[in-house]
PDB file of N, CA and C in Angstrom:
ATOM      1  N   UNK A   1     124.530 123.889 216.409  1.00  0.00           N
ATOM      2  CA  UNK A   1     125.920 124.127 216.054  1.00  0.00           C
ATOM      3  C   UNK A   1     126.386 125.425 216.724  1.00  0.00           C
ATOM      4  N   UNK A   2     127.581 125.400 217.233  1.00  0.00           N
ATOM      5  CA  UNK A   2     128.159 126.527 217.963  1.00  0.00           C
ATOM      6  C   UNK A   2     128.690 127.586 216.995  1.00  0.00           C
ATOM      7  N   UNK A   3     128.449 128.834 217.328  1.00  0.00           N
ATOM      8  CA  UNK A   3     128.961 129.959 216.540  1.00  0.00           C
ATOM      9  C   UNK A   3     130.355 130.329 217.060  1.00  0.00           C
ATOM     10  N   UNK A   4     131.280 130.542 216.139  1.00  0.00           N
ATOM     11  CA  UNK A   4     132.644 130.941 216.496  1.00  0.00           C
ATOM     12  C   UNK A   4     132.810 132.422 216.198  1.00  0.00           C
ATOM     13  N   UNK A   5     133.164 133.180 217.221  1.00  0.00           N
ATOM     14  CA  UNK A   5     133.392 134.626 217.097  1.00  0.00           C
ATOM     15  C   UNK A   5     134.886 134.885 217.286  1.00  0.00           C
ATOM     16  N   UNK A   6     135.465 135.662 216.390  1.00  0.00           N
ATOM     17  CA  UNK A   6     136.869 136.057 216.516  1.00  0.00           C
ATOM     18  C   UNK A   6     136.912 137.459 217.115  1.00  0.00           C
ATOM     19  N   UNK A   7     137.553 137.602 218.271  1.00  0.00           N
ATOM     20  CA  UNK A   7     137.692 138.920 218.891  1.00  0.00           C
ATOM     21  C   UNK A   7     138.618 139.796 218.035  1.00  0.00           C
ATOM     22  N   UNK A   8     138.552 141.093 218.265  1.00  0.00           N
ATOM     23  CA  UNK A   8     139.460 142.009 217.558  1.00  0.00           C
ATOM     24  C   UNK A   8     140.909 141.653 217.863  1.00  0.00           C
ATOM     25  N   UNK A   9     141.172 141.297 219.112  1.00  0.00           N
ATOM     26  CA  UNK A   9     142.535 140.918 219.509  1.00  0.00           C
ATOM     27  C   UNK A   9     143.008 139.712 218.707  1.00  0.00           C
ATOM     28  N   UNK A  10     142.169 138.699 218.586  1.00  0.00           N
ATOM     29  CA  UNK A  10     142.585 137.489 217.858  1.00  0.00           C
ATOM     30  C   UNK A  10     142.763 137.772 216.366  1.00  0.00           C
ATOM     31  N   UNK A  11     141.942 138.652 215.809  1.00  0.00           N
ATOM     32  CA  UNK A  11     142.118 139.048 214.407  1.00  0.00           C
ATOM     33  C   UNK A  11     143.447 139.774 214.222  1.00  0.00           C
ATOM     34  N   UNK A  12     143.778 140.643 215.167  1.00  0.00           N
ATOM     35  CA  UNK A  12     145.070 141.349 215.114  1.00  0.00           C
ATOM     36  C   UNK A  12     146.231 140.376 215.290  1.00  0.00           C
ATOM     37  N   UNK A  13     146.042 139.372 216.147  1.00  0.00           N
ATOM     38  CA  UNK A  13     147.078 138.350 216.330  1.00  0.00           C
ATOM     39  C   UNK A  13     147.366 137.641 215.005  1.00  0.00           C
ATOM     40  N   UNK A  14     146.302 137.262 214.279  1.00  0.00           N
ATOM     41  CA  UNK A  14     146.481 136.601 212.980  1.00  0.00           C
ATOM     42  C   UNK A  14     147.198 137.508 211.993  1.00  0.00           C
ATOM     43  N   UNK A  15     146.842 138.784 212.002  1.00  0.00           N
ATOM     44  CA  UNK A  15     147.499 139.745 211.117  1.00  0.00           C
ATOM     45  C   UNK A  15     148.986 139.849 211.451  1.00  0.00           C
ATOM     46  N   UNK A  16     149.297 139.916 212.741  1.00  0.00           N
ATOM     47  CA  UNK A  16     150.703 139.993 213.167  1.00  0.00           C
ATOM     48  C   UNK A  16     151.475 138.732 212.770  1.00  0.00           C
ATOM     49  N   UNK A  17     150.846 137.574 212.917  1.00  0.00           N
ATOM     50  CA  UNK A  17     151.477 136.312 212.516  1.00  0.00           C
ATOM     51  C   UNK A  17     151.746 136.329 211.017  1.00  0.00           C
ATOM     52  N   UNK A  18     150.741 136.748 210.254  1.00  0.00           N
ATOM     53  CA  UNK A  18     150.898 136.836 208.800  1.00  0.00           C
ATOM     54  C   UNK A  18     152.057 137.769 208.443  1.00  0.00           C
ATOM     55  N   UNK A  19     152.045 138.976 209.020  1.00  0.00           N
ATOM     56  CA  UNK A  19     153.074 139.971 208.699  1.00  0.00           C
ATOM     57  C   UNK A  19     154.478 139.456 209.016  1.00  0.00           C
ATOM     58  N   UNK A  20     154.619 138.768 210.144  1.00  0.00           N
ATOM     59  CA  UNK A  20     155.926 138.252 210.540  1.00  0.00           C
ATOM     60  C   UNK A  20     156.417 137.192 209.555  1.00  0.00           C
ATOM     61  N   UNK A  21     155.564 136.229 209.227  1.00  0.00           N
ATOM     62  CA  UNK A  21     155.966 135.154 208.318  1.00  0.00           C
ATOM     63  C   UNK A  21     156.146 135.683 206.897  1.00  0.00           C
ATOM     64  N   UNK A  22     155.324 136.651 206.509  1.00  0.00           N
ATOM     65  CA  UNK A  22     155.366 137.192 205.141  1.00  0.00           C
ATOM     66  C   UNK A  22     156.679 137.898 204.826  1.00  0.00           C
ATOM     67  N   UNK A  23     157.442 138.263 205.830  1.00  0.00           N
ATOM     68  CA  UNK A  23     158.757 138.863 205.580  1.00  0.00           C
ATOM     69  C   UNK A  23     159.631 137.900 204.778  1.00  0.00           C
ATOM     70  N   UNK A  24     159.388 136.606 204.976  1.00  0.00           N
ATOM     71  CA  UNK A  24     160.141 135.581 204.253  1.00  0.00           C
ATOM     72  C   UNK A  24     159.334 134.907 203.154  1.00  0.00           C
ATOM     73  N   UNK A  25     158.026 134.754 203.390  1.00  0.00           N
ATOM     74  CA  UNK A  25     157.204 134.057 202.404  1.00  0.00           C
ATOM     75  C   UNK A  25     155.725 134.402 202.581  1.00  0.00           C
ATOM     76  N   UNK A  26     155.167 135.085 201.606  1.00  0.00           N
ATOM     77  CA  UNK A  26     153.732 135.387 201.656  1.00  0.00           C
ATOM     78  C   UNK A  26     152.913 134.111 201.523  1.00  0.00           C
ATOM     79  N   UNK A  27     153.411 133.175 200.763  1.00  0.00           N
ATOM     80  CA  UNK A  27     152.715 131.895 200.590  1.00  0.00           C
ATOM     81  C   UNK A  27     152.556 131.193 201.943  1.00  0.00           C
ATOM     82  N   UNK A  28     153.654 131.026 202.687  1.00  0.00           N
ATOM     83  CA  UNK A  28     153.593 130.328 203.973  1.00  0.00           C
ATOM     84  C   UNK A  28     152.858 131.155 205.025  1.00  0.00           C
ATOM     85  N   UNK A  29     152.901 132.461 204.905  1.00  0.00           N
ATOM     86  CA  UNK A  29     152.135 133.305 205.823  1.00  0.00           C
ATOM     87  C   UNK A  29     150.646 133.043 205.653  1.00  0.00           C
ATOM     88  N   UNK A  30     150.186 133.047 204.403  1.00  0.00           N
ATOM     89  CA  UNK A  30     148.769 132.793 204.122  1.00  0.00           C
ATOM     90  C   UNK A  30     148.376 131.372 204.527  1.00  0.00           C
ATOM     91  N   UNK A  31     149.253 130.430 204.245  1.00  0.00           N
ATOM     92  CA  UNK A  31     148.982 129.032 204.590  1.00  0.00           C
ATOM     93  C   UNK A  31     148.866 128.857 206.103  1.00  0.00           C
ATOM     94  N   UNK A  32     149.735 129.493 206.858  1.00  0.00           N
ATOM     95  CA  UNK A  32     149.702 129.394 208.320  1.00  0.00           C
ATOM     96  C   UNK A  32     148.410 129.973 208.877  1.00  0.00           C
ATOM     97  N   UNK A  33     148.023 131.151 208.418  1.00  0.00           N
ATOM     98  CA  UNK A  33     146.802 131.785 208.908  1.00  0.00           C
ATOM     99  C   UNK A  33     145.575 130.940 208.549  1.00  0.00           C
ATOM    100  N   UNK A  34     145.546 130.412 207.350  1.00  0.00           N
ATOM    101  CA  UNK A  34     144.428 129.550 206.937  1.00  0.00           C
ATOM    102  C   UNK A  34     144.362 128.299 207.807  1.00  0.00           C
ATOM    103  N   UNK A  35     145.497 127.709 208.082  1.00  0.00           N
ATOM    104  CA  UNK A  35     145.548 126.514 208.927  1.00  0.00           C
ATOM    105  C   UNK A  35     145.046 126.823 210.332  1.00  0.00           C
ATOM    106  N   UNK A  36     145.446 127.961 210.878  1.00  0.00           N
ATOM    107  CA  UNK A  36     144.988 128.352 212.213  1.00  0.00           C
ATOM    108  C   UNK A  36     143.476 128.560 212.240  1.00  0.00           C
ATOM    109  N   UNK A  37     142.955 129.226 211.229  1.00  0.00           N
ATOM    110  CA  UNK A  37     141.503 129.441 211.157  1.00  0.00           C
ATOM    111  C   UNK A  37     140.761 128.117 211.027  1.00  0.00           C
ATOM    112  N   UNK A  38     141.258 127.254 210.156  1.00  0.00           N
ATOM    113  CA  UNK A  38     140.606 125.960 209.936  1.00  0.00           C
ATOM    114  C   UNK A  38     140.612 125.090 211.186  1.00  0.00           C
ATOM    115  N   UNK A  39     141.636 125.224 211.984  1.00  0.00           N
ATOM    116  CA  UNK A  39     141.741 124.421 213.221  1.00  0.00           C
ATOM    117  C   UNK A  39     140.564 124.669 214.150  1.00  0.00           C
ATOM    118  N   UNK A  40     140.034 125.883 214.131  1.00  0.00           N
ATOM    119  CA  UNK A  40     138.957 126.235 215.064  1.00  0.00           C
ATOM    120  C   UNK A  40     137.592 125.692 214.640  1.00  0.00           C
ATOM    121  N   UNK A  41     137.451 125.221 213.411  1.00  0.00           N
ATOM    122  CA  UNK A  41     136.131 124.762 212.956  1.00  0.00           C
ATOM    123  C   UNK A  41     135.613 123.573 213.757  1.00  0.00           C
ATOM    124  N   UNK A  42     136.494 122.809 214.366  1.00  0.00           N
ATOM    125  CA  UNK A  42     136.065 121.679 215.193  1.00  0.00           C
ATOM    126  C   UNK A  42     135.225 122.156 216.382  1.00  0.00           C
ATOM    127  N   UNK A  43     135.420 123.407 216.787  1.00  0.00           N
ATOM    128  CA  UNK A  43     134.676 123.947 217.926  1.00  0.00           C
ATOM    129  C   UNK A  43     133.185 124.072 217.629  1.00  0.00           C
ATOM    130  N   UNK A  44     132.817 124.125 216.361  1.00  0.00           N
ATOM    131  CA  UNK A  44     131.397 124.199 216.004  1.00  0.00           C
ATOM    132  C   UNK A  44     130.639 122.978 216.510  1.00  0.00           C
ATOM    133  N   UNK A  45     131.329 121.856 216.561  1.00  0.00           N
ATOM    134  CA  UNK A  45     130.706 120.610 216.996  1.00  0.00           C
ATOM    135  C   UNK A  45     131.139 120.198 218.402  1.00  0.00           C
ATOM    136  N   UNK A  46     132.408 120.450 218.727  1.00  0.00           N
ATOM    137  CA  UNK A  46     132.973 120.005 220.007  1.00  0.00           C
ATOM    138  C   UNK A  46     133.633 121.179 220.722  1.00  0.00           C
ATOM    139  N   UNK A  47     132.857 122.029 221.335  1.00  0.00           N
ATOM    140  CA  UNK A  47     133.408 123.252 221.925  1.00  0.00           C
ATOM    141  C   UNK A  47     134.326 122.994 223.122  1.00  0.00           C
ATOM    142  N   UNK A  48     134.207 121.847 223.753  1.00  0.00           N
ATOM    143  CA  UNK A  48     135.037 121.552 224.921  1.00  0.00           C
ATOM    144  C   UNK A  48     136.226 120.657 224.589  1.00  0.00           C
ATOM    145  N   UNK A  49     136.549 120.548 223.302  1.00  0.00           N
ATOM    146  CA  UNK A  49     137.637 119.655 222.879  1.00  0.00           C
ATOM    147  C   UNK A  49     139.006 120.170 223.334  1.00  0.00           C
ATOM    148  N   UNK A  50     139.157 121.468 223.436  1.00  0.00           N
ATOM    149  CA  UNK A  50     140.441 122.033 223.841  1.00  0.00           C
ATOM    150  C   UNK A  50     140.719 121.797 225.309  1.00  0.00           C
ATOM    151  N   UNK A  51     141.990 121.773 225.650  1.00  0.00           N
ATOM    152  CA  UNK A  51     142.332 121.581 227.065  1.00  0.00           C
ATOM    153  C   UNK A  51     142.192 122.902 227.805  1.00  0.00           C
ATOM    154  N   UNK A  52     141.933 122.809 229.086  1.00  0.00           N
ATOM    155  CA  UNK A  52     141.847 124.000 229.930  1.00  0.00           C
ATOM    156  C   UNK A  52     143.222 124.650 229.967  1.00  0.00           C
ATOM    157  N   UNK A  53     143.264 125.964 229.799  1.00  0.00           N
ATOM    158  CA  UNK A  53     144.538 126.686 229.791  1.00  0.00           C
ATOM    159  C   UNK A  53     145.126 126.630 231.207  1.00  0.00           C
ATOM    160  N   UNK A  54     146.296 126.020 231.371  1.00  0.00           N
ATOM    161  CA  UNK A  54     146.858 125.832 232.716  1.00  0.00           C
ATOM    162  C   UNK A  54     147.151 127.136 233.451  1.00  0.00           C
ATOM    163  N   UNK A  55     147.476 128.186 232.723  1.00  0.00           N
ATOM    164  CA  UNK A  55     147.783 129.458 233.376  1.00  0.00           C
ATOM    165  C   UNK A  55     146.564 130.089 234.047  1.00  0.00           C
ATOM    166  N   UNK A  56     145.361 129.695 233.618  1.00  0.00           N
ATOM    167  CA  UNK A  56     144.141 130.299 234.159  1.00  0.00           C
ATOM    168  C   UNK A  56     143.284 129.328 234.956  1.00  0.00           C
ATOM    169  N   UNK A  57     143.371 128.036 234.653  1.00  0.00           N
ATOM    170  CA  UNK A  57     142.618 127.001 235.358  1.00  0.00           C
ATOM    171  C   UNK A  57     141.135 127.335 235.481  1.00  0.00           C
ATOM    172  N   UNK A  58     140.543 127.815 234.374  1.00  0.00           N
ATOM    173  CA  UNK A  58     139.107 128.097 234.331  1.00  0.00           C
ATOM    174  C   UNK A  58     138.481 127.181 233.296  1.00  0.00           C
ATOM    175  N   UNK A  59     137.383 126.556 233.656  1.00  0.00           N
ATOM    176  CA  UNK A  59     136.705 125.600 232.782  1.00  0.00           C
ATOM    177  C   UNK A  59     136.329 126.204 231.434  1.00  0.00           C
ATOM    178  N   UNK A  60     136.040 127.499 231.402  1.00  0.00           N
ATOM    179  CA  UNK A  60     135.559 128.131 230.170  1.00  0.00           C
ATOM    180  C   UNK A  60     136.666 128.697 229.286  1.00  0.00           C
ATOM    181  N   UNK A  61     137.891 128.733 229.767  1.00  0.00           N
ATOM    182  CA  UNK A  61     139.008 129.225 228.948  1.00  0.00           C
ATOM    183  C   UNK A  61     139.865 128.035 228.555  1.00  0.00           C
ATOM    184  N   UNK A  62     139.873 127.761 227.253  1.00  0.00           N
ATOM    185  CA  UNK A  62     140.517 126.562 226.727  1.00  0.00           C
ATOM    186  C   UNK A  62     141.420 126.924 225.560  1.00  0.00           C
ATOM    187  N   UNK A  63     142.168 125.946 225.093  1.00  0.00           N
ATOM    188  CA  UNK A  63     143.068 126.205 223.975  1.00  0.00           C
ATOM    189  C   UNK A  63     143.154 125.004 223.046  1.00  0.00           C
ATOM    190  N   UNK A  64     143.378 125.330 221.795  1.00  0.00           N
ATOM    191  CA  UNK A  64     143.721 124.346 220.778  1.00  0.00           C
ATOM    192  C   UNK A  64     145.169 124.612 220.396  1.00  0.00           C
ATOM    193  N   UNK A  65     145.901 123.578 220.111  1.00  0.00           N
ATOM    194  CA  UNK A  65     147.283 123.714 219.669  1.00  0.00           C
ATOM    195  C   UNK A  65     147.318 123.393 218.177  1.00  0.00           C
ATOM    196  N   UNK A  66     147.977 124.261 217.434  1.00  0.00           N
ATOM    197  CA  UNK A  66     148.180 124.020 215.997  1.00  0.00           C
ATOM    198  C   UNK A  66     149.627 124.370 215.688  1.00  0.00           C
ATOM    199  N   UNK A  67     150.420 123.340 215.454  1.00  0.00           N
ATOM    200  CA  UNK A  67     151.842 123.572 215.222  1.00  0.00           C
ATOM    201  C   UNK A  67     152.460 124.221 216.455  1.00  0.00           C
ATOM    202  N   UNK A  68     153.095 125.368 216.248  1.00  0.00           N
ATOM    203  CA  UNK A  68     153.734 126.094 217.348  1.00  0.00           C
ATOM    204  C   UNK A  68     152.842 127.178 217.934  1.00  0.00           C
ATOM    205  N   UNK A  69     151.555 127.133 217.632  1.00  0.00           N
ATOM    206  CA  UNK A  69     150.639 128.193 218.058  1.00  0.00           C
ATOM    207  C   UNK A  69     149.585 127.685 219.032  1.00  0.00           C
ATOM    208  N   UNK A  70     149.238 128.554 219.960  1.00  0.00           N
ATOM    209  CA  UNK A  70     148.159 128.300 220.908  1.00  0.00           C
ATOM    210  C   UNK A  70     146.982 129.179 220.502  1.00  0.00           C
ATOM    211  N   UNK A  71     145.843 128.559 220.310  1.00  0.00           N
ATOM    212  CA  UNK A  71     144.611 129.274 219.966  1.00  0.00           C
ATOM    213  C   UNK A  71     143.743 129.232 221.219  1.00  0.00           C
ATOM    214  N   UNK A  72     143.650 130.358 221.905  1.00  0.00           N
ATOM    215  CA  UNK A  72     142.918 130.420 223.164  1.00  0.00           C
ATOM    216  C   UNK A  72     141.500 130.891 222.891  1.00  0.00           C
ATOM    217  N   UNK A  73     140.544 130.169 223.459  1.00  0.00           N
ATOM    218  CA  UNK A  73     139.150 130.539 223.271  1.00  0.00           C
ATOM    219  C   UNK A  73     138.393 130.456 224.589  1.00  0.00           C
ATOM    220  N   UNK A  74     137.281 131.151 224.621  1.00  0.00           N
ATOM    221  CA  UNK A  74     136.428 131.146 225.797  1.00  0.00           C
ATOM    222  C   UNK A  74     135.047 130.637 225.395  1.00  0.00           C
ATOM    223  N   UNK A  75     134.533 129.711 226.179  1.00  0.00           N
ATOM    224  CA  UNK A  75     133.170 129.238 225.952  1.00  0.00           C
ATOM    225  C   UNK A  75     132.243 130.286 226.566  1.00  0.00           C
ATOM    226  N   UNK A  76     131.572 131.040 225.707  1.00  0.00           N
ATOM    227  CA  UNK A  76     130.714 132.135 226.171  1.00  0.00           C
ATOM    228  C   UNK A  76     129.385 131.610 226.694  1.00  0.00           C
ATOM    229  N   UNK A  77     128.781 130.707 225.948  1.00  0.00           N
ATOM    230  CA  UNK A  77     127.537 130.067 226.362  1.00  0.00           C
ATOM    231  C   UNK A  77     127.358 128.797 225.543  1.00  0.00           C
ATOM    232  N   UNK A  78     126.198 128.183 225.617  1.00  0.00           N
ATOM    233  CA  UNK A  78     126.003 126.890 224.954  1.00  0.00           C
ATOM    234  C   UNK A  78     126.061 126.977 223.428  1.00  0.00           C
ATOM    235  N   UNK A  79     125.877 128.169 222.869  1.00  0.00           N
ATOM    236  CA  UNK A  79     125.839 128.319 221.418  1.00  0.00           C
ATOM    237  C   UNK A  79     126.978 129.150 220.839  1.00  0.00           C
ATOM    238  N   UNK A  80     127.938 129.565 221.675  1.00  0.00           N
ATOM    239  CA  UNK A  80     128.942 130.507 221.168  1.00  0.00           C
ATOM    240  C   UNK A  80     130.268 130.346 221.897  1.00  0.00           C
ATOM    241  N   UNK A  81     131.352 130.354 221.098  1.00  0.00           N
ATOM    242  CA  UNK A  81     132.704 130.442 221.649  1.00  0.00           C
ATOM    243  C   UNK A  81     133.383 131.648 221.018  1.00  0.00           C
ATOM    244  N   UNK A  82     134.295 132.245 221.757  1.00  0.00           N
ATOM    245  CA  UNK A  82     135.035 133.398 221.252  1.00  0.00           C
ATOM    246  C   UNK A  82     136.518 133.073 221.251  1.00  0.00           C
ATOM    247  N   UNK A  83     137.132 133.229 220.082  1.00  0.00           N
ATOM    248  CA  UNK A  83     138.580 133.092 219.990  1.00  0.00           C
ATOM    249  C   UNK A  83     139.154 134.386 220.557  1.00  0.00           C
ATOM    250  N   UNK A  84     139.920 134.285 221.630  1.00  0.00           N
ATOM    251  CA  UNK A  84     140.403 135.492 222.303  1.00  0.00           C
ATOM    252  C   UNK A  84     141.845 135.839 221.972  1.00  0.00           C
ATOM    253  N   UNK A  85     142.651 134.841 221.599  1.00  0.00           N
ATOM    254  CA  UNK A  85     144.050 135.132 221.297  1.00  0.00           C
ATOM    255  C   UNK A  85     144.675 133.969 220.532  1.00  0.00           C
ATOM    256  N   UNK A  86     145.635 134.311 219.681  1.00  0.00           N
ATOM    257  CA  UNK A  86     146.423 133.315 218.959  1.00  0.00           C
ATOM    258  C   UNK A  86     147.874 133.775 219.057  1.00  0.00           C
ATOM    259  N   UNK A  87     148.729 132.900 219.554  1.00  0.00           N
ATOM    260  CA  UNK A  87     150.118 133.328 219.693  1.00  0.00           C
ATOM    261  C   UNK A  87     151.068 132.142 219.674  1.00  0.00           C
ATOM    262  N   UNK A  88     152.313 132.447 219.408  1.00  0.00           N
ATOM    263  CA  UNK A  88     153.354 131.428 219.357  1.00  0.00           C
ATOM    264  C   UNK A  88     153.551 130.838 220.753  1.00  0.00           C
ATOM    265  N   UNK A  89     153.680 129.529 220.807  1.00  0.00           N
ATOM    266  CA  UNK A  89     153.776 128.827 222.087  1.00  0.00           C
ATOM    267  C   UNK A  89     155.003 129.215 222.905  1.00  0.00           C
ATOM    268  N   UNK A  90     156.007 129.809 222.282  1.00  0.00           N
ATOM    269  CA  UNK A  90     157.203 130.204 223.025  1.00  0.00           C
ATOM    270  C   UNK A  90     156.971 131.459 223.879  1.00  0.00           C
ATOM    271  N   UNK A  91     155.880 132.183 223.599  1.00  0.00           N
ATOM    272  CA  UNK A  91     155.571 133.376 224.390  1.00  0.00           C
ATOM    273  C   UNK A  91     155.016 132.986 225.751  1.00  0.00           C
ATOM    274  N   UNK A  92     155.327 133.786 226.745  1.00  0.00           N
ATOM    275  CA  UNK A  92     154.836 133.580 228.104  1.00  0.00           C
ATOM    276  C   UNK A  92     153.424 134.145 228.207  1.00  0.00           C
ATOM    277  N   UNK A  93     152.438 133.285 228.385  1.00  0.00           N
ATOM    278  CA  UNK A  93     151.053 133.749 228.421  1.00  0.00           C
ATOM    279  C   UNK A  93     150.759 134.596 229.650  1.00  0.00           C
ATOM    280  N   UNK A  94     151.438 134.353 230.742  1.00  0.00           N
ATOM    281  CA  UNK A  94     151.156 135.127 231.953  1.00  0.00           C
ATOM    282  C   UNK A  94     151.432 136.608 231.753  1.00  0.00           C
ATOM    283  N   UNK A  95     152.380 136.933 230.864  1.00  0.00           N
ATOM    284  CA  UNK A  95     152.684 138.335 230.593  1.00  0.00           C
ATOM    285  C   UNK A  95     152.005 138.856 229.343  1.00  0.00           C
ATOM    286  N   UNK A  96     151.330 137.983 228.627  1.00  0.00           N
ATOM    287  CA  UNK A  96     150.654 138.379 227.397  1.00  0.00           C
ATOM    288  C   UNK A  96     149.286 138.971 227.722  1.00  0.00           C
ATOM    289  N   UNK A  97     148.900 139.960 226.932  1.00  0.00           N
ATOM    290  CA  UNK A  97     147.561 140.506 227.040  1.00  0.00           C
ATOM    291  C   UNK A  97     146.641 139.534 226.324  1.00  0.00           C
ATOM    292  N   UNK A  98     145.762 138.875 227.063  1.00  0.00           N
ATOM    293  CA  UNK A  98     144.945 137.816 226.498  1.00  0.00           C
ATOM    294  C   UNK A  98     143.623 138.327 225.941  1.00  0.00           C
ATOM    295  N   UNK A  99     142.973 139.186 226.659  1.00  0.00           N
ATOM    296  CA  UNK A  99     141.645 139.641 226.264  1.00  0.00           C
ATOM    297  C   UNK A  99     141.704 141.070 225.717  1.00  0.00           C
ATOM    298  N   UNK A 100     140.697 141.442 224.926  1.00  0.00           N
ATOM    299  CA  UNK A 100     140.604 142.796 224.385  1.00  0.00           C
ATOM    300  C   UNK A 100     140.538 143.853 225.486  1.00  0.00           C
ATOM    301  N   UNK A 101     139.870 143.534 226.566  1.00  0.00           N
ATOM    302  CA  UNK A 101     139.624 144.527 227.618  1.00  0.00           C
ATOM    303  C   UNK A 101     140.648 144.528 228.723  1.00  0.00           C
ATOM    304  N   UNK A 102     141.738 143.818 228.583  1.00  0.00           N
ATOM    305  CA  UNK A 102     142.781 143.828 229.618  1.00  0.00           C
ATOM    306  C   UNK A 102     143.731 144.974 229.424  1.00  0.00           C
TER     307      UNK A 102
END
């Protein structure tokens, strides 16, 4: 079974999503973050299920779509994937800081 690691950037992304939605509803903010986290559990069994991110065209950088959000992950090795970013699909990924070290 594949281990899922959440980068600091992706954890901050979830916090920002929560904070933004919580301005109107803490209930829906929590529900959205939980849904996003739950979406990634499929990667434990099927790490290549996500489509290759078109902006990068790299086999190891993929994404899952959940509602209006893109969950970008990198296949690190055969036993581990790293969630690198979570953001609203309306944002331009080419201008977004995707990785912690960028």
